[in-house]
Amino acid sequence: MTPPSLSRRTFLASTAAIAAAGLSTGAAPRPRQRKRIALIGTESRTHSHAQHFIDRFLRGYAWEGGWHEPAVDLASLYIDQFPEGDLARGQASRYDVPIYPSIAEALTMGTSGLAVDGVVIIGEHGRYPRNELGQHLYPRFEFFKQVIEVFEESGRSVPVFNDKHLSTEWDRCVEMVEDSRRLGFPFLAGSSLPVTWRMPAVDLPYDADLVESVCVGYGGPDSYDFHGLETAQCMSERRRGGEVGIARVQALRGDALWSMLEGRESTARLFLAALCRSHTLPVEDGYPTDPPSIDWARRNFDDPFAYDIEHRDGFRTTLFMMPVIRDFTYAGLIGDADAVVSCQMYLPMPGRAASTADFFNPLINHIERMVVEGHAPYPVERTLLTSGMTMAGVTSLARDGEVVETPEMEVRYAAPRDSLFVNAPGAES
């Protein structure tokens, strides 16, 4: 009973202060309810994206010098395909996670409405058709729209993560972002490269006088090119004035690529700086035969391609996809200092040296925090634009280097002040 000399308001304030100090008021503390997520995937097999996400949400992962228990519970799964070597059924059985026959059921879990606190969409890998440009028609948009239907029918929404680019059609990408705004839920998407380790831990100054970006990576169109574009864009968006959108994109191959490098001094300078951050340069007898130069690159890289991207403010991004190398590197030119900033986005691929693809760890940590805290760590507009750049680059490549005008890509946004990569200066890693 409250003493007569103590008002109810004072009593409640005193109780709150005691609780805040970690002292007991005599009442048993309420257990904190953990957030639950549903994962919607195309397939789960060894080294597929869904396998990497599911295992981390169920088993945890290495983080800050210890083993991290996920901050959310993976409560339900929808898996679209079960190929030979399927892992989803074993993953689900081992941890008693139900696999539902539809996306709606995975989100409602036998109830009349939305029953999870977050949704993770992994539309990568699996047997799906290709369009006339050679793009894999993964059902990311279709999965997302089925999630939206449940949100609308339930009268509430929760944070959503979409792996890699949003869609292969610009209008669909825009619709996905507009759905997130209309329903008011945090929407995160894209690649793991913007938040993985950087070597060295370069933090491009916010509002820097950055005038050009170059990324050198590897892989094919509409696949690893997207990772390279996200690598460049997470740096380019920090330039003075922020991002304003894309004006045009041109793909270059063969002589057109080398002629561009020979005639554009700043791009060649950045290309070579990015190459020199690679740990997988072509070698002969265990060592590069010559110091990297444009002529050396021309002799050693067979049939690379590039996307030359002009932003609406005149800023330029060039992505070079080179055979032989197996890493992603970045170089940017700071205009007022005439200085090059460069690094490698550390991507330890699965194999004998790195069997667990740990570059997924930082991305999944950001997803957990988004679900728990209720806001996206960086804007989905980044991935809206990189999805569009990928489409335009693939289109230009299929049309033998035709310039693709992109007036629809007038997307303006400001980057977060914190770079958010895992070993950013001042961050634990």
Protein backbone atom coordinates (compact mmCIF):
# COMPACT_ATOMS: atom_id res chain seq x y z
CA MET A 1 0.00 0.00 0.00
CA THR A 2 1.31 3.46 -0.86
CA PRO A 3 2.11 5.61 2.23
CA PRO A 4 -0.35 8.56 2.64
CA SER A 5 2.48 11.09 2.30
CA LEU A 6 3.43 9.77 -1.14
CA SER A 7 1.24 10.69 -4.12
CA ARG A 8 0.42 8.05 -6.77
CA ARG A 9 2.32 10.06 -9.40
CA THR A 10 5.41 10.22 -7.16
CA PHE A 11 5.09 6.52 -6.40
CA LEU A 12 4.93 5.60 -10.09
CA ALA A 13 7.89 7.84 -10.92
CA SER A 14 9.90 6.30 -8.08
CA THR A 15 9.03 2.80 -9.27
CA ALA A 16 10.11 3.63 -12.81
CA ALA A 17 13.39 5.02 -11.52
CA ILE A 18 14.03 1.85 -9.51
CA ALA A 19 13.29 -0.30 -12.57
CA ALA A 20 15.56 1.83 -14.74
CA ALA A 21 18.35 1.36 -12.21
CA GLY A 22 17.96 -2.42 -12.54
CA LEU A 23 16.59 -2.86 -8.99
CA SER A 24 13.66 -5.07 -8.02
CA THR A 25 10.24 -3.65 -7.14
CA GLY A 26 9.08 -7.02 -5.89
CA ALA A 27 7.19 -7.85 -9.11
CA ALA A 28 8.49 -10.47 -11.50
CA PRO A 29 9.86 -8.78 -14.64
CA ARG A 30 8.06 -9.49 -17.90
CA PRO A 31 10.12 -11.58 -20.30
CA ARG A 32 10.96 -9.64 -23.41
CA GLN A 33 9.11 -11.13 -26.37
CA ARG A 34 11.45 -11.91 -29.26
CA LYS A 35 10.53 -10.77 -32.73
CA ARG A 36 9.64 -13.44 -35.27
CA ILE A 37 10.35 -13.44 -38.98
CA ALA A 38 9.18 -15.37 -42.02
CA LEU A 39 11.66 -16.20 -44.79
CA ILE A 40 10.38 -16.52 -48.34
CA GLY A 41 12.89 -18.20 -50.66
CA THR A 42 13.23 -19.70 -54.11
CA GLU A 43 15.39 -22.68 -53.08
CA SER A 44 17.88 -23.71 -50.40
CA ARG A 45 20.89 -25.77 -51.43
CA THR A 46 24.58 -25.57 -50.59
CA HIS A 47 25.88 -22.01 -51.15
CA SER A 48 22.54 -20.69 -52.37
CA HIS A 49 21.56 -17.35 -50.87
CA ALA A 50 18.62 -18.87 -49.00
CA GLN A 51 20.91 -21.44 -47.35
CA HIS A 52 23.21 -18.67 -46.11
CA PHE A 53 20.31 -16.67 -44.66
CA ILE A 54 18.39 -19.58 -43.14
CA ASP A 55 21.43 -21.08 -41.40
CA ARG A 56 22.42 -17.71 -39.92
CA PHE A 57 18.94 -16.99 -38.62
CA LEU A 58 18.74 -20.47 -37.09
CA ARG A 59 22.28 -21.13 -35.89
CA GLY A 60 23.82 -17.69 -35.50
CA TYR A 61 27.14 -16.49 -36.90
CA ALA A 62 30.56 -15.14 -35.96
CA TRP A 63 30.34 -11.51 -34.84
CA GLU A 64 32.65 -9.14 -32.96
CA GLY A 65 34.92 -11.91 -31.76
CA GLY A 66 32.19 -14.27 -30.57
CA TRP A 67 29.28 -16.39 -31.76
CA HIS A 68 26.18 -14.22 -32.19
CA GLU A 69 22.77 -15.63 -31.31
CA PRO A 70 20.25 -14.09 -33.71
CA ALA A 71 18.19 -11.30 -32.19
CA VAL A 72 15.07 -12.60 -33.98
CA ASP A 73 13.47 -16.02 -34.35
CA LEU A 74 12.96 -17.60 -37.76
CA ALA A 75 9.38 -18.76 -37.25
CA SER A 76 8.22 -19.88 -40.69
CA LEU A 77 9.39 -20.65 -44.21
CA TYR A 78 8.01 -20.67 -47.72
CA ILE A 79 10.31 -22.35 -50.26
CA ASP A 80 9.28 -22.31 -53.90
CA GLN A 81 11.45 -25.13 -55.29
CA PHE A 82 13.07 -28.26 -53.86
CA PRO A 83 15.94 -29.29 -56.17
CA GLU A 84 18.21 -32.27 -55.84
CA GLY A 85 20.42 -31.48 -52.87
CA ASP A 86 17.67 -29.51 -51.14
CA LEU A 87 18.60 -28.36 -47.66
CA ALA A 88 15.40 -26.54 -46.67
CA ARG A 89 13.57 -29.59 -45.36
CA GLY A 90 16.51 -30.65 -43.21
CA GLN A 91 17.06 -27.11 -41.92
CA ALA A 92 13.38 -26.79 -41.03
CA SER A 93 13.15 -30.23 -39.38
CA ARG A 94 16.31 -29.77 -37.31
CA TYR A 95 15.03 -26.54 -35.79
CA ASP A 96 11.29 -27.29 -35.83
CA VAL A 97 10.44 -24.47 -38.25
CA PRO A 98 7.36 -25.14 -40.39
CA ILE A 99 7.53 -24.88 -44.17
CA TYR A 100 4.17 -23.58 -45.40
CA PRO A 101 2.67 -24.29 -48.83
CA SER A 102 2.03 -20.60 -49.58
CA ILE A 103 3.50 -17.21 -48.78
CA ALA A 104 0.26 -16.08 -47.14
CA GLU A 105 0.28 -19.09 -44.82
CA ALA A 106 3.93 -18.51 -43.91
CA LEU A 107 3.03 -14.97 -42.85
CA THR A 108 -0.20 -15.83 -41.00
CA MET A 109 0.94 -19.16 -39.48
CA GLY A 110 -2.52 -20.60 -39.05
CA THR A 111 -4.10 -17.39 -37.77
CA SER A 112 -6.48 -14.94 -39.38
CA GLY A 113 -3.86 -12.23 -39.92
CA LEU A 114 -0.20 -11.32 -40.05
CA ALA A 115 1.61 -13.30 -37.33
CA VAL A 116 5.27 -12.30 -37.83
CA ASP A 117 7.30 -9.17 -37.12
CA GLY A 118 9.45 -9.16 -40.24
CA VAL A 119 9.74 -10.71 -43.70
CA VAL A 120 12.91 -11.72 -45.57
CA ILE A 121 12.58 -12.37 -49.34
CA ILE A 122 15.40 -14.33 -51.00
CA GLY A 123 14.58 -14.53 -54.70
CA GLU A 124 17.94 -15.81 -55.94
CA HIS A 125 18.87 -19.20 -57.47
CA GLY A 126 16.48 -21.84 -58.76
CA ARG A 127 15.05 -22.87 -62.12
CA TYR A 128 13.30 -19.85 -63.60
CA PRO A 129 13.00 -18.62 -67.20
CA ARG A 130 15.09 -15.87 -68.78
CA ASN A 131 13.83 -12.94 -70.81
CA GLU A 132 15.08 -11.84 -74.23
CA LEU A 133 17.96 -9.93 -72.59
CA GLY A 134 19.14 -13.02 -70.74
CA GLN A 135 17.92 -11.84 -67.33
CA HIS A 136 16.80 -14.49 -64.87
CA LEU A 137 13.15 -13.85 -64.03
CA TYR A 138 13.36 -14.59 -60.34
CA PRO A 139 9.95 -13.99 -58.70
CA ARG A 140 11.05 -11.24 -56.29
CA PHE A 141 8.27 -8.88 -57.36
CA GLU A 142 5.65 -11.66 -57.25
CA PHE A 143 6.79 -12.76 -53.77
CA PHE A 144 6.74 -9.14 -52.57
CA LYS A 145 3.22 -8.50 -53.87
CA GLN A 146 1.91 -11.58 -52.08
CA VAL A 147 3.43 -10.20 -48.87
CA ILE A 148 1.70 -6.87 -49.55
CA GLU A 149 -1.64 -8.64 -49.93
CA VAL A 150 -1.28 -10.11 -46.43
CA PHE A 151 -0.32 -6.70 -45.04
CA GLU A 152 -3.38 -5.08 -46.59
CA GLU A 153 -5.76 -7.81 -45.45
CA SER A 154 -4.30 -7.73 -41.93
CA GLY A 155 -4.42 -3.95 -41.60
CA ARG A 156 -0.78 -3.74 -40.51
CA SER A 157 2.70 -4.18 -41.94
CA VAL A 158 6.19 -5.10 -40.74
CA PRO A 159 9.77 -4.54 -41.98
CA VAL A 160 10.75 -6.30 -45.22
CA PHE A 161 14.16 -7.19 -46.65
CA ASN A 162 14.57 -8.06 -50.35
CA ASP A 163 17.81 -9.74 -51.40
CA LYS A 164 19.67 -8.20 -54.39
CA HIS A 165 17.92 -6.10 -57.05
CA LEU A 166 14.21 -5.45 -56.76
CA SER A 167 13.05 -6.65 -60.19
CA THR A 168 14.00 -6.82 -63.87
CA GLU A 169 11.40 -4.14 -64.75
CA TRP A 170 11.70 -0.51 -63.66
CA ASP A 171 7.96 0.04 -63.12
CA ARG A 172 7.86 -2.96 -60.79
CA CYS A 173 10.84 -1.69 -58.81
CA VAL A 174 9.12 1.67 -58.37
CA GLU A 175 5.88 -0.02 -57.34
CA MET A 176 7.65 -1.98 -54.62
CA VAL A 177 9.15 1.19 -53.13
CA GLU A 178 5.81 3.00 -53.40
CA ASP A 179 4.06 0.10 -51.62
CA SER A 180 6.50 0.43 -48.72
CA ARG A 181 5.80 4.16 -48.48
CA ARG A 182 2.04 3.75 -48.83
CA LEU A 183 1.87 1.13 -46.06
CA GLY A 184 4.59 2.75 -43.98
CA PHE A 185 6.94 -0.18 -43.36
CA PRO A 186 10.77 -0.17 -43.33
CA PHE A 187 12.09 -1.61 -46.60
CA LEU A 188 15.70 -2.72 -46.98
CA ALA A 189 17.20 -4.34 -50.08
CA GLY A 190 20.34 -5.00 -52.02
CA SER A 191 23.77 -6.55 -51.79
CA SER A 192 26.01 -7.52 -48.89
CA LEU A 193 28.97 -5.61 -50.33
CA PRO A 194 28.13 -2.10 -49.02
CA VAL A 195 28.27 -3.37 -45.42
CA THR A 196 31.00 -6.01 -45.57
CA TRP A 197 34.59 -5.44 -44.38
CA ARG A 198 36.71 -2.93 -46.30
CA MET A 199 40.44 -3.26 -46.78
CA PRO A 200 41.57 -0.69 -45.79
CA ALA A 201 38.64 0.59 -43.71
CA VAL A 202 38.02 3.62 -45.92
CA ASP A 203 35.19 5.88 -44.79
CA LEU A 204 34.51 8.34 -47.60
CA PRO A 205 33.84 11.76 -46.00
CA TYR A 206 30.19 12.73 -45.99
CA ASP A 207 29.44 15.54 -48.47
CA ALA A 208 32.84 15.01 -50.11
CA ASP A 209 33.78 16.67 -53.40
CA LEU A 210 33.65 13.27 -55.09
CA VAL A 211 33.63 13.64 -58.88
CA GLU A 212 33.92 10.07 -60.18
CA SER A 213 33.59 6.46 -59.01
CA VAL A 214 34.98 3.23 -60.45
CA CYS A 215 34.37 -0.36 -59.36
CA VAL A 216 36.29 -3.34 -60.72
CA GLY A 217 34.61 -6.70 -60.18
CA TYR A 218 33.93 -9.99 -61.90
CA GLY A 219 31.07 -12.14 -63.12
CA GLY A 220 28.32 -11.94 -65.69
CA PRO A 221 25.57 -9.46 -66.56
CA ASP A 222 22.42 -9.30 -64.42
CA SER A 223 24.24 -11.15 -61.67
CA TYR A 224 27.50 -9.99 -60.14
CA ASP A 225 27.31 -6.69 -62.01
CA PHE A 226 24.61 -5.70 -59.52
CA HIS A 227 27.08 -6.23 -56.64
CA GLY A 228 29.59 -4.00 -58.39
CA LEU A 229 27.03 -1.25 -58.85
CA GLU A 230 26.05 -1.41 -55.17
CA THR A 231 29.75 -1.22 -54.29
CA ALA A 232 30.13 2.00 -56.27
CA GLN A 233 26.79 3.53 -55.28
CA CYS A 234 27.28 3.20 -51.51
CA MET A 235 30.30 5.49 -52.02
CA SER A 236 28.94 7.75 -54.77
CA GLU A 237 25.81 8.64 -52.78
CA ARG A 238 28.00 10.35 -50.15
CA ARG A 239 29.09 13.06 -52.58
CA ARG A 240 28.25 16.71 -52.10
CA GLY A 241 24.54 17.29 -52.76
CA GLY A 242 23.60 13.62 -52.47
CA GLU A 243 22.21 11.38 -55.19
CA VAL A 244 20.07 12.93 -57.95
CA GLY A 245 19.49 10.01 -60.32
CA ILE A 246 20.78 8.55 -63.59
CA ALA A 247 20.69 10.21 -67.02
CA ARG A 248 22.06 7.49 -69.29
CA VAL A 249 23.96 4.19 -69.36
CA GLN A 250 26.18 2.64 -72.02
CA ALA A 251 27.75 -0.81 -72.02
CA LEU A 252 31.23 -1.18 -73.50
CA ARG A 253 33.00 -4.28 -74.70
CA GLY A 254 36.19 -5.08 -76.61
CA ASP A 255 37.90 -2.22 -78.40
CA ALA A 256 35.24 0.26 -77.24
CA LEU A 257 36.15 -0.40 -73.60
CA TRP A 258 39.90 -0.02 -74.12
CA SER A 259 39.47 3.07 -76.30
CA MET A 260 37.40 4.72 -73.59
CA LEU A 261 40.12 4.02 -70.99
CA GLU A 262 42.86 5.30 -73.28
CA GLY A 263 40.95 8.53 -73.89
CA ARG A 264 39.70 9.29 -70.37
CA GLU A 265 42.58 9.97 -68.02
CA SER A 266 40.62 10.18 -64.75
CA THR A 267 38.74 6.92 -65.36
CA ALA A 268 41.98 5.13 -66.28
CA ARG A 269 43.60 6.46 -63.11
CA LEU A 270 40.77 5.09 -60.98
CA PHE A 271 40.64 1.80 -62.89
CA LEU A 272 44.30 1.12 -62.14
CA ALA A 273 43.93 2.22 -58.50
CA ALA A 274 41.05 -0.21 -58.05
CA LEU A 275 42.99 -3.00 -59.77
CA CYS A 276 45.87 -2.46 -57.36
CA ARG A 277 43.51 -3.18 -54.44
CA SER A 278 42.78 -6.65 -55.87
CA HIS A 279 44.31 -9.74 -54.30
CA THR A 280 43.64 -11.86 -57.39
CA LEU A 281 45.45 -10.15 -60.27
CA PRO A 282 46.46 -12.41 -63.18
CA VAL A 283 49.94 -13.80 -62.63
CA GLU A 284 52.61 -15.80 -64.40
CA ASP A 285 54.99 -18.00 -62.39
CA GLY A 286 53.37 -16.79 -59.19
CA TYR A 287 53.62 -13.01 -59.70
CA PRO A 288 52.24 -10.29 -62.02
CA THR A 289 54.53 -10.03 -65.01
CA ASP A 290 54.43 -6.22 -65.16
CA PRO A 291 53.10 -3.29 -63.14
CA PRO A 292 49.40 -2.81 -63.96
CA SER A 293 48.77 -0.48 -66.89
CA ILE A 294 46.06 -0.16 -69.51
CA ASP A 295 48.22 -2.05 -71.99
CA TRP A 296 48.97 -4.75 -69.39
CA ALA A 297 45.25 -5.07 -68.60
CA ARG A 298 44.40 -5.33 -72.29
CA ARG A 299 46.84 -8.24 -72.66
CA ASN A 300 45.71 -10.06 -69.50
CA PHE A 301 41.91 -9.66 -69.41
CA ASP A 302 40.06 -11.44 -72.18
CA ASP A 303 36.66 -9.97 -73.17
CA PRO A 304 35.74 -7.80 -70.16
CA PHE A 305 32.72 -5.51 -70.25
CA ALA A 306 31.87 -2.22 -68.58
CA TYR A 307 28.88 0.00 -67.77
CA ASP A 308 29.56 3.71 -68.23
CA ILE A 309 26.96 5.60 -66.19
CA GLU A 310 26.25 9.32 -66.29
CA HIS A 311 24.34 10.71 -63.31
CA ARG A 312 21.96 13.64 -63.75
CA ASP A 313 24.42 16.06 -62.12
CA GLY A 314 27.28 15.05 -64.42
CA PHE A 315 28.87 12.66 -61.91
CA ARG A 316 30.23 9.49 -63.53
CA THR A 317 30.27 5.87 -62.35
CA THR A 318 32.04 3.16 -64.35
CA LEU A 319 31.78 -0.52 -63.53
CA PHE A 320 34.38 -2.86 -65.05
CA MET A 321 33.64 -6.58 -64.99
CA MET A 322 36.94 -8.37 -65.56
CA PRO A 323 37.62 -12.08 -65.98
CA VAL A 324 40.36 -13.78 -63.90
CA ILE A 325 40.10 -11.57 -60.78
CA ARG A 326 37.83 -12.72 -57.94
CA ASP A 327 37.20 -9.66 -55.80
CA PHE A 328 35.43 -6.28 -55.87
CA THR A 329 37.45 -3.11 -55.52
CA TYR A 330 36.54 0.59 -55.53
CA ALA A 331 38.33 3.84 -56.36
CA GLY A 332 36.91 7.37 -56.21
CA LEU A 333 38.36 10.74 -57.14
CA ILE A 334 38.11 13.60 -54.63
CA GLY A 335 38.12 16.67 -56.86
CA ASP A 336 39.17 19.49 -54.55
CA ALA A 337 42.12 17.46 -53.22
CA ASP A 338 42.90 15.64 -56.49
CA ALA A 339 43.15 12.50 -54.34
CA VAL A 340 42.13 8.90 -54.99
CA VAL A 341 40.30 6.95 -52.28
CA SER A 342 40.38 3.19 -52.84
CA CYS A 343 39.66 -0.10 -51.07
CA GLN A 344 38.57 -3.68 -51.52
CA MET A 345 35.11 -4.81 -50.39
CA TYR A 346 36.12 -8.06 -48.69
CA LEU A 347 34.17 -10.95 -50.18
CA PRO A 348 35.49 -14.25 -48.80
CA MET A 349 33.76 -16.65 -51.18
CA PRO A 350 32.78 -20.19 -50.13
CA GLY A 351 35.55 -22.71 -50.65
CA ARG A 352 38.47 -24.18 -48.79
CA ALA A 353 39.57 -20.77 -47.50
CA ALA A 354 36.13 -19.46 -46.56
CA SER A 355 33.43 -22.09 -46.40
CA THR A 356 30.80 -19.95 -44.73
CA ALA A 357 30.63 -16.80 -46.93
CA ASP A 358 30.94 -14.55 -43.87
CA PHE A 359 30.29 -11.40 -45.90
CA PHE A 360 26.60 -12.20 -45.28
CA ASN A 361 27.06 -11.69 -41.51
CA PRO A 362 27.01 -7.86 -41.48
CA LEU A 363 23.98 -7.71 -43.80
CA ILE A 364 22.01 -10.13 -41.66
CA ASN A 365 22.95 -8.17 -38.55
CA HIS A 366 21.45 -5.06 -40.16
CA ILE A 367 18.28 -7.01 -41.01
CA GLU A 368 17.94 -8.16 -37.40
CA ARG A 369 18.33 -4.61 -36.13
CA MET A 370 15.77 -3.33 -38.61
CA VAL A 371 13.19 -5.83 -37.37
CA VAL A 372 13.94 -5.16 -33.70
CA GLU A 373 14.27 -1.36 -33.93
CA GLY A 374 11.68 -0.71 -36.64
CA HIS A 375 13.67 1.33 -39.15
CA ALA A 376 15.89 0.60 -42.17
CA PRO A 377 19.58 1.44 -41.71
CA TYR A 378 19.95 2.94 -45.21
CA PRO A 379 17.49 4.02 -47.91
CA VAL A 380 15.96 1.53 -50.34
CA GLU A 381 16.38 4.20 -53.03
CA ARG A 382 20.00 3.04 -53.34
CA THR A 383 18.84 -0.36 -54.52
CA LEU A 384 16.05 1.16 -56.60
CA LEU A 385 18.74 2.98 -58.59
CA THR A 386 21.20 0.08 -58.78
CA SER A 387 18.35 -2.14 -60.00
CA GLY A 388 17.71 0.42 -62.75
CA MET A 389 21.41 0.71 -63.61
CA THR A 390 21.61 -3.07 -63.95
CA MET A 391 18.61 -3.15 -66.30
CA ALA A 392 19.98 -0.33 -68.45
CA GLY A 393 23.46 -1.90 -68.56
CA VAL A 394 22.12 -5.31 -69.58
CA THR A 395 19.93 -3.65 -72.23
CA SER A 396 22.84 -1.68 -73.69
CA LEU A 397 25.03 -4.79 -73.67
CA ALA A 398 22.37 -6.74 -75.60
CA ARG A 399 22.12 -3.87 -78.11
CA ASP A 400 25.86 -3.79 -78.85
CA GLY A 401 26.63 -0.73 -76.75
CA GLU A 402 23.68 1.47 -77.63
CA VAL A 403 23.31 4.39 -75.20
CA VAL A 404 20.23 3.85 -73.02
CA GLU A 405 18.61 7.11 -71.90
CA THR A 406 17.03 6.85 -68.44
CA PRO A 407 14.80 9.90 -67.78
CA GLU A 408 12.63 7.74 -65.51
CA MET A 409 15.52 7.30 -63.06
CA GLU A 410 15.26 10.74 -61.48
CA VAL A 411 15.67 9.36 -57.99
CA ARG A 412 16.94 11.75 -55.32
CA TYR A 413 17.97 10.68 -51.84
CA ALA A 414 20.49 11.38 -49.11
CA ALA A 415 22.82 8.70 -47.76
CA PRO A 416 23.06 8.06 -44.01
CA ARG A 417 25.97 9.88 -42.37
CA ASP A 418 27.32 6.64 -40.91
CA SER A 419 28.79 4.41 -43.63
CA LEU A 420 27.60 1.28 -41.74
CA PHE A 421 30.22 -1.14 -43.08
CA VAL A 422 31.33 -3.60 -40.45
CA ASN A 423 34.86 -2.30 -39.78
CA ALA A 424 34.08 1.40 -40.17
CA PRO A 425 36.40 3.57 -38.08
CA GLY A 426 35.17 3.44 -34.50
CA ALA A 427 33.09 0.30 -35.02
CA GLU A 428 33.79 -3.12 -33.56
CA SER A 429 34.53 -5.86 -36.08
